[in-house]
Amino acid sequence: MTSFKPAALAAALLMSAAAGAQEVNLYSARHYQTDQALYTNFTKQTGIKINRIDAGENELLERIKNEGAHSPADILLTVDAARLAKADELNLLAPVNSSVLNARIPANLRTPNWYSFSSRARVIVYNNKSVSGAAVQNYEDLANPALKGKVCVRSGSHPYNLSLGAGLLSHLGEEKTAAWAKGLVANFARSPKGGDTDQIKAVAAGECGVALANSYYVARLMRSDKPEDKKVMESVTVVWPNQKTSGTHINISGAGVLKTAPNKANAVKFLEYLASDEAQVYFADGNNEWPVVANVKTNNPALNALGKFKADSIGVGRLAEQQAAVQKIYDRAGWQ
């Protein structure tokens, strides 16, 4: 597997393309070391070399736009429906006609131009000593005035929270979602800052009583050998929200093929590999994410300990469509 420095990538890719090399050019915003096994095994199975750029999603989108019709990029791989929706909005992605992908990826986890390959859940984490679990069983509960001064969250402009808001907007409508956002802001223990792990640690430390976090951050702490991480998880409890209503909000990691991809056939082969049982197990056991393909057997002790839950079945395309509307609601509520 070869990684190229951005400055040298385009020239190197064009040279190898001219030589007829079997390759695929991947622009990835997934920064997980465990993904290396995915790339290595794909090459072993197919003989197709992966040339990869790792960068932030905004940087990659800007790069693809600037490269235009001559972009060497075949695939954009990133996290969250909001980010894939942005690429679609910029008219960068092409439809993929794959019977393999359509058969293996559930309809609610794909769109005509991109597919989900793993999922995470947006869970509620609360402090065992300062908050009653019965008071935080639903996302809507976080806006209850009884939790004033007890809620920690990351930025309202972060895609994880925008996608959650899109789900609420679809289920509750604009008026109720706006009221929820306003109530949530009124309950903040502090101004939004940090990532999801920071929120979990703040709950454990008693800085706040309850927080939102993606499940894979929880699972990462659960699997940690560090004493301080073990202590954090002893102080908090995880809730699957909205089990009696719409189900827990699901976040995704996914990919699409670029319209200008010079290696479209190889790009589709790579996406089909990501939907294979082998790759789905790597997503689960390597990075604490759930497979999107049904009946894939995994062996992740943290995910097993978290147990089964009812997931929200709303389509990822619908979540993507609601991003701008949700951002306006958050802005009006003061969720910066």
Protein backbone atom coordinates (compact mmCIF):
# COMPACT_ATOMS: atom_id res chain seq x y z
CA MET A 1 0.00 0.00 0.00
CA THR A 2 1.32 3.38 -0.95
CA SER A 3 0.42 6.77 0.48
CA PHE A 4 1.41 9.85 -1.51
CA LYS A 5 2.13 13.34 -0.36
CA PRO A 6 -0.57 15.66 -1.76
CA ALA A 7 1.91 17.71 -3.81
CA ALA A 8 3.15 14.67 -5.71
CA LEU A 9 -0.10 12.72 -5.96
CA ALA A 10 -1.60 13.93 -9.23
CA ALA A 11 1.58 13.47 -11.25
CA ALA A 12 2.22 10.03 -9.80
CA LEU A 13 -1.32 8.87 -10.43
CA LEU A 14 -1.38 10.13 -14.00
CA MET A 15 1.93 8.40 -14.74
CA SER A 16 0.74 5.06 -13.41
CA ALA A 17 -2.60 5.43 -15.20
CA ALA A 18 -0.75 5.98 -18.45
CA ALA A 19 1.21 2.82 -17.82
CA GLY A 20 -2.06 0.87 -17.50
CA ALA A 21 -1.59 -0.03 -13.83
CA GLN A 22 -4.44 -1.70 -11.97
CA GLU A 23 -5.20 0.86 -9.29
CA VAL A 24 -7.83 2.95 -7.58
CA ASN A 25 -7.31 6.45 -6.18
CA LEU A 26 -8.95 7.00 -2.82
CA TYR A 27 -9.53 10.32 -1.07
CA SER A 28 -10.32 9.41 2.52
CA ALA A 29 -11.51 11.43 5.52
CA ARG A 30 -11.50 8.30 7.71
CA HIS A 31 -8.42 8.52 9.92
CA TYR A 32 -8.45 5.14 11.63
CA GLN A 33 -5.35 2.94 11.68
CA THR A 34 -7.50 -0.18 11.59
CA ASP A 35 -8.66 0.73 8.07
CA GLN A 36 -5.21 -0.23 6.80
CA ALA A 37 -6.27 -3.87 6.86
CA LEU A 38 -9.15 -3.05 4.51
CA TYR A 39 -6.81 -1.57 1.94
CA THR A 40 -4.18 -4.29 2.23
CA ASN A 41 -6.66 -7.13 1.89
CA PHE A 42 -8.43 -5.53 -1.07
CA THR A 43 -5.13 -5.35 -2.94
CA LYS A 44 -4.27 -8.95 -2.03
CA GLN A 45 -7.62 -10.18 -3.33
CA THR A 46 -7.83 -8.12 -6.51
CA GLY A 47 -4.31 -7.03 -7.42
CA ILE A 48 -5.60 -3.45 -7.54
CA LYS A 49 -3.27 -1.01 -5.80
CA ILE A 50 -4.80 1.73 -3.64
CA ASN A 51 -3.28 5.21 -3.89
CA ARG A 52 -4.60 7.19 -0.95
CA ILE A 53 -4.81 10.75 0.29
CA ASP A 54 -5.92 11.18 3.91
CA ALA A 55 -7.25 14.63 4.81
CA GLY A 56 -10.22 16.43 6.33
CA GLU A 57 -13.47 16.21 4.41
CA ASN A 58 -13.59 19.94 3.63
CA GLU A 59 -10.02 19.87 2.36
CA LEU A 60 -10.78 16.88 0.14
CA LEU A 61 -13.91 18.45 -1.31
CA GLU A 62 -12.04 21.66 -2.06
CA ARG A 63 -9.25 19.67 -3.66
CA ILE A 64 -11.63 17.74 -5.90
CA LYS A 65 -13.35 20.96 -6.98
CA ASN A 66 -10.03 22.61 -7.78
CA GLU A 67 -8.77 19.59 -9.72
CA GLY A 68 -11.92 19.66 -11.84
CA ALA A 69 -12.26 17.30 -14.79
CA HIS A 70 -8.64 16.20 -14.42
CA SER A 71 -8.94 15.04 -10.81
CA PRO A 72 -7.24 11.68 -10.24
CA ALA A 73 -9.72 10.87 -7.45
CA ASP A 74 -11.91 7.81 -7.97
CA ILE A 75 -13.59 7.54 -4.56
CA LEU A 76 -14.51 9.84 -1.69
CA LEU A 77 -14.68 7.95 1.61
CA THR A 78 -15.88 9.87 4.66
CA VAL A 79 -18.13 9.84 7.71
CA ASP A 80 -21.66 11.15 8.23
CA ALA A 81 -24.50 11.66 5.79
CA ALA A 82 -24.00 15.43 5.99
CA ARG A 83 -20.55 15.22 4.43
CA LEU A 84 -21.56 12.87 1.64
CA ALA A 85 -24.57 15.08 1.00
CA LYS A 86 -22.23 18.03 0.56
CA ALA A 87 -20.28 16.16 -2.11
CA ASP A 88 -23.56 15.31 -3.83
CA GLU A 89 -24.71 18.91 -3.59
CA LEU A 90 -21.51 19.97 -5.35
CA ASN A 91 -22.38 17.52 -8.16
CA LEU A 92 -19.20 15.52 -7.60
CA LEU A 93 -20.61 11.99 -7.30
CA ALA A 94 -21.84 9.64 -10.02
CA PRO A 95 -24.56 6.99 -9.82
CA VAL A 96 -23.23 3.47 -9.24
CA ASN A 97 -25.02 0.58 -10.90
CA SER A 98 -24.04 -2.42 -8.78
CA SER A 99 -26.36 -5.34 -8.10
CA VAL A 100 -23.95 -6.44 -5.35
CA LEU A 101 -24.23 -3.15 -3.46
CA ASN A 102 -27.98 -2.87 -3.98
CA ALA A 103 -28.47 -6.40 -2.66
CA ARG A 104 -26.24 -6.03 0.40
CA ILE A 105 -26.76 -2.43 1.54
CA PRO A 106 -30.27 -1.74 2.95
CA ALA A 107 -32.32 0.77 0.97
CA ASN A 108 -32.48 3.26 3.85
CA LEU A 109 -28.66 3.29 4.05
CA ARG A 110 -27.94 4.21 0.44
CA THR A 111 -28.79 6.84 -2.15
CA PRO A 112 -28.40 6.73 -5.93
CA ASN A 113 -24.93 8.31 -5.62
CA TRP A 114 -23.43 6.95 -2.39
CA TYR A 115 -23.55 4.04 0.01
CA SER A 116 -23.18 3.55 3.76
CA PHE A 117 -20.70 0.88 4.85
CA SER A 118 -20.78 1.14 8.64
CA SER A 119 -22.96 2.76 11.27
CA ARG A 120 -22.69 4.36 14.69
CA ALA A 121 -25.45 5.34 17.11
CA ARG A 122 -25.98 8.74 18.74
CA VAL A 123 -26.40 7.74 22.38
CA ILE A 124 -27.09 9.54 25.63
CA VAL A 125 -24.49 9.21 28.41
CA TYR A 126 -25.35 10.25 31.95
CA ASN A 127 -23.61 10.51 35.33
CA ASN A 128 -24.69 7.70 37.63
CA LYS A 129 -24.74 9.92 40.73
CA SER A 130 -26.29 13.16 39.53
CA VAL A 131 -28.90 12.13 36.96
CA SER A 132 -31.68 9.55 37.01
CA GLY A 133 -31.69 7.25 33.99
CA ALA A 134 -35.48 7.49 33.83
CA ALA A 135 -35.12 11.22 33.09
CA VAL A 136 -33.01 10.78 29.95
CA GLN A 137 -34.58 8.02 27.89
CA ASN A 138 -35.27 10.16 24.83
CA TYR A 139 -33.49 12.90 22.88
CA GLU A 140 -36.44 15.14 23.66
CA ASP A 141 -35.75 14.73 27.40
CA LEU A 142 -32.53 16.73 27.06
CA ALA A 143 -34.63 19.87 26.62
CA ASN A 144 -36.52 19.30 29.88
CA PRO A 145 -36.01 22.28 32.25
CA ALA A 146 -35.27 19.77 35.03
CA LEU A 147 -31.86 19.28 33.37
CA LYS A 148 -30.95 22.96 33.43
CA GLY A 149 -27.17 23.37 33.77
CA LYS A 150 -26.51 19.67 33.23
CA VAL A 151 -26.13 19.11 29.47
CA CYS A 152 -22.80 18.95 27.62
CA VAL A 153 -22.57 18.81 23.82
CA ARG A 154 -20.14 19.54 21.03
CA SER A 155 -20.78 22.27 18.44
CA GLY A 156 -24.18 22.56 16.82
CA SER A 157 -22.46 22.94 13.45
CA HIS A 158 -20.82 19.53 13.69
CA PRO A 159 -22.28 17.02 11.21
CA TYR A 160 -23.03 14.49 13.98
CA ASN A 161 -25.44 16.93 15.60
CA LEU A 162 -26.81 18.21 12.32
CA SER A 163 -27.72 14.67 11.29
CA LEU A 164 -29.38 14.06 14.66
CA GLY A 165 -31.36 17.25 14.20
CA ALA A 166 -32.36 16.14 10.72
CA GLY A 167 -33.79 12.98 12.20
CA LEU A 168 -35.74 14.92 14.81
CA LEU A 169 -36.97 17.36 12.17
CA SER A 170 -38.30 14.48 10.11
CA HIS A 171 -40.10 12.92 13.07
CA LEU A 172 -41.23 15.97 15.01
CA GLY A 173 -41.58 18.75 12.47
CA GLU A 174 -39.99 22.19 12.48
CA GLU A 175 -41.88 23.76 15.41
CA LYS A 176 -41.14 20.98 17.88
CA THR A 177 -37.55 20.59 16.73
CA ALA A 178 -36.98 24.32 17.17
CA ALA A 179 -38.46 24.15 20.68
CA TRP A 180 -36.22 21.18 21.45
CA ALA A 181 -33.10 23.01 20.29
CA LYS A 182 -34.03 26.08 22.33
CA GLY A 183 -34.63 23.97 25.43
CA LEU A 184 -31.39 22.07 24.93
CA VAL A 185 -29.39 25.30 24.74
CA ALA A 186 -31.07 26.54 27.91
CA ASN A 187 -29.81 23.41 29.68
CA PHE A 188 -26.15 23.73 28.70
CA ALA A 189 -23.69 23.23 31.54
CA ARG A 190 -21.03 25.02 29.47
CA SER A 191 -20.53 26.41 26.00
CA PRO A 192 -20.15 23.64 23.39
CA LYS A 193 -16.55 22.55 22.96
CA GLY A 194 -14.42 19.51 22.24
CA GLY A 195 -15.33 16.17 20.71
CA ASP A 196 -17.58 13.38 21.89
CA THR A 197 -14.92 11.80 24.10
CA ASP A 198 -14.57 15.15 25.88
CA GLN A 199 -18.32 15.15 26.57
CA ILE A 200 -18.20 11.65 28.06
CA LYS A 201 -15.26 12.56 30.29
CA ALA A 202 -17.00 15.76 31.42
CA VAL A 203 -20.03 13.70 32.47
CA ALA A 204 -17.82 11.29 34.39
CA ALA A 205 -16.03 14.18 36.12
CA GLY A 206 -19.33 15.73 37.20
CA GLU A 207 -18.84 18.87 35.10
CA CYS A 208 -22.19 18.02 33.56
CA GLY A 209 -24.81 15.37 34.15
CA VAL A 210 -25.64 14.19 30.65
CA ALA A 211 -24.24 14.35 27.13
CA LEU A 212 -24.64 13.13 23.55
CA ALA A 213 -21.94 10.94 22.04
CA ASN A 214 -21.40 8.59 19.13
CA SER A 215 -21.34 4.97 20.22
CA TYR A 216 -17.91 4.19 18.82
CA TYR A 217 -16.34 6.73 21.19
CA VAL A 218 -18.06 4.93 24.06
CA ALA A 219 -16.88 1.55 22.81
CA ARG A 220 -13.33 2.86 22.41
CA LEU A 221 -13.27 3.88 26.09
CA MET A 222 -14.80 0.56 27.09
CA ARG A 223 -12.02 -1.34 25.30
CA SER A 224 -9.22 0.87 26.64
CA ASP A 225 -6.63 -0.58 29.02
CA LYS A 226 -5.93 2.84 30.55
CA PRO A 227 -7.00 3.08 34.22
CA GLU A 228 -8.35 6.60 33.70
CA ASP A 229 -10.61 5.42 30.86
CA LYS A 230 -11.89 2.52 32.92
CA LYS A 231 -12.71 4.96 35.71
CA VAL A 232 -14.63 7.16 33.26
CA MET A 233 -16.82 4.26 32.17
CA GLU A 234 -17.48 3.23 35.77
CA SER A 235 -19.01 6.66 36.39
CA VAL A 236 -21.41 6.78 33.44
CA THR A 237 -24.31 4.85 31.96
CA VAL A 238 -25.23 4.63 28.29
CA VAL A 239 -28.83 4.97 27.06
CA TRP A 240 -30.26 3.92 23.71
CA PRO A 241 -32.62 6.87 23.15
CA ASN A 242 -36.19 6.70 21.86
CA GLN A 243 -36.62 2.96 22.09
CA LYS A 244 -40.39 3.30 22.49
CA THR A 245 -40.77 5.75 19.61
CA SER A 246 -38.64 6.35 16.51
CA GLY A 247 -35.52 4.46 17.63
CA THR A 248 -31.95 5.60 18.22
CA HIS A 249 -30.44 7.91 15.61
CA ILE A 250 -27.89 6.21 13.36
CA ASN A 251 -24.85 7.90 11.90
CA ILE A 252 -22.95 6.38 8.99
CA SER A 253 -19.61 6.12 7.25
CA GLY A 254 -19.84 5.84 3.50
CA ALA A 255 -18.40 6.43 0.07
CA GLY A 256 -19.21 7.39 -3.50
CA VAL A 257 -17.53 7.30 -6.90
CA LEU A 258 -16.48 10.62 -8.43
CA LYS A 259 -18.00 11.65 -11.76
CA THR A 260 -14.51 12.28 -13.12
CA ALA A 261 -13.05 9.00 -11.80
CA PRO A 262 -10.41 7.64 -14.21
CA ASN A 263 -10.77 4.11 -12.78
CA LYS A 264 -14.52 3.69 -12.39
CA ALA A 265 -14.59 -0.10 -12.68
CA ASN A 266 -11.93 -0.50 -10.00
CA ALA A 267 -13.72 2.05 -7.83
CA VAL A 268 -16.92 0.01 -7.94
CA LYS A 269 -14.93 -3.14 -7.09
CA PHE A 270 -13.58 -1.38 -4.01
CA LEU A 271 -17.06 -0.30 -2.87
CA GLU A 272 -18.29 -3.87 -3.39
CA TYR A 273 -15.38 -5.10 -1.28
CA LEU A 274 -16.40 -2.71 1.53
CA ALA A 275 -19.78 -4.45 1.52
CA SER A 276 -18.19 -7.92 1.84
CA ASP A 277 -18.48 -9.87 5.07
CA GLU A 278 -14.74 -9.57 5.62
CA ALA A 279 -14.68 -5.77 5.33
CA GLN A 280 -17.82 -5.41 7.42
CA VAL A 281 -16.14 -7.35 10.23
CA TYR A 282 -13.14 -5.00 10.08
CA PHE A 283 -15.42 -1.99 10.50
CA ALA A 284 -17.01 -3.57 13.58
CA ASP A 285 -14.10 -5.23 15.30
CA GLY A 286 -11.45 -2.70 14.27
CA ASN A 287 -13.21 0.62 14.81
CA ASN A 288 -16.22 -0.23 16.97
CA GLU A 289 -18.78 0.43 14.23
CA TRP A 290 -21.75 -1.75 13.29
CA PRO A 291 -21.91 -3.51 9.93
CA VAL A 292 -24.65 -2.29 7.61
CA VAL A 293 -24.93 -5.68 5.92
CA ALA A 294 -27.37 -8.00 7.67
CA ASN A 295 -26.28 -11.15 9.49
CA VAL A 296 -22.55 -10.39 9.52
CA LYS A 297 -21.02 -12.06 12.57
CA THR A 298 -18.64 -9.86 14.57
CA ASN A 299 -16.70 -10.29 17.80
CA ASN A 300 -16.37 -6.86 19.41
CA PRO A 301 -16.65 -7.18 23.21
CA ALA A 302 -17.69 -3.57 23.70
CA LEU A 303 -20.44 -3.66 21.08
CA ASN A 304 -21.60 -6.98 22.52
CA ALA A 305 -21.71 -5.44 26.00
CA LEU A 306 -23.73 -2.48 24.76
CA GLY A 307 -26.33 -4.93 23.49
CA LYS A 308 -29.04 -4.73 20.86
CA PHE A 309 -31.26 -1.73 20.28
CA LYS A 310 -33.99 -0.38 18.01
CA ALA A 311 -32.42 1.85 15.36
CA ASP A 312 -34.15 4.71 13.58
CA SER A 313 -34.90 3.49 10.05
CA ILE A 314 -35.13 6.90 8.40
CA GLY A 315 -33.29 7.04 5.10
CA VAL A 316 -29.83 8.59 4.97
CA GLY A 317 -30.91 10.57 1.92
CA ARG A 318 -33.62 12.22 3.98
CA LEU A 319 -31.10 13.11 6.68
CA ALA A 320 -28.88 14.65 4.05
CA GLU A 321 -31.67 16.81 2.65
CA GLN A 322 -32.43 18.39 6.04
CA GLN A 323 -28.94 19.69 6.91
CA ALA A 324 -29.40 23.34 5.92
CA ALA A 325 -32.79 23.58 7.63
CA VAL A 326 -31.39 22.11 10.85
CA GLN A 327 -28.45 24.51 10.87
CA LYS A 328 -30.87 27.45 10.71
CA ILE A 329 -32.84 26.03 13.63
CA TYR A 330 -29.67 25.61 15.71
CA ASP A 331 -28.46 29.11 14.82
CA ARG A 332 -31.74 30.65 15.94
CA ALA A 333 -31.58 28.64 19.19
CA GLY A 334 -28.04 29.83 19.87
CA TRP A 335 -26.40 26.42 19.55
CA GLN A 336 -23.04 27.52 18.22
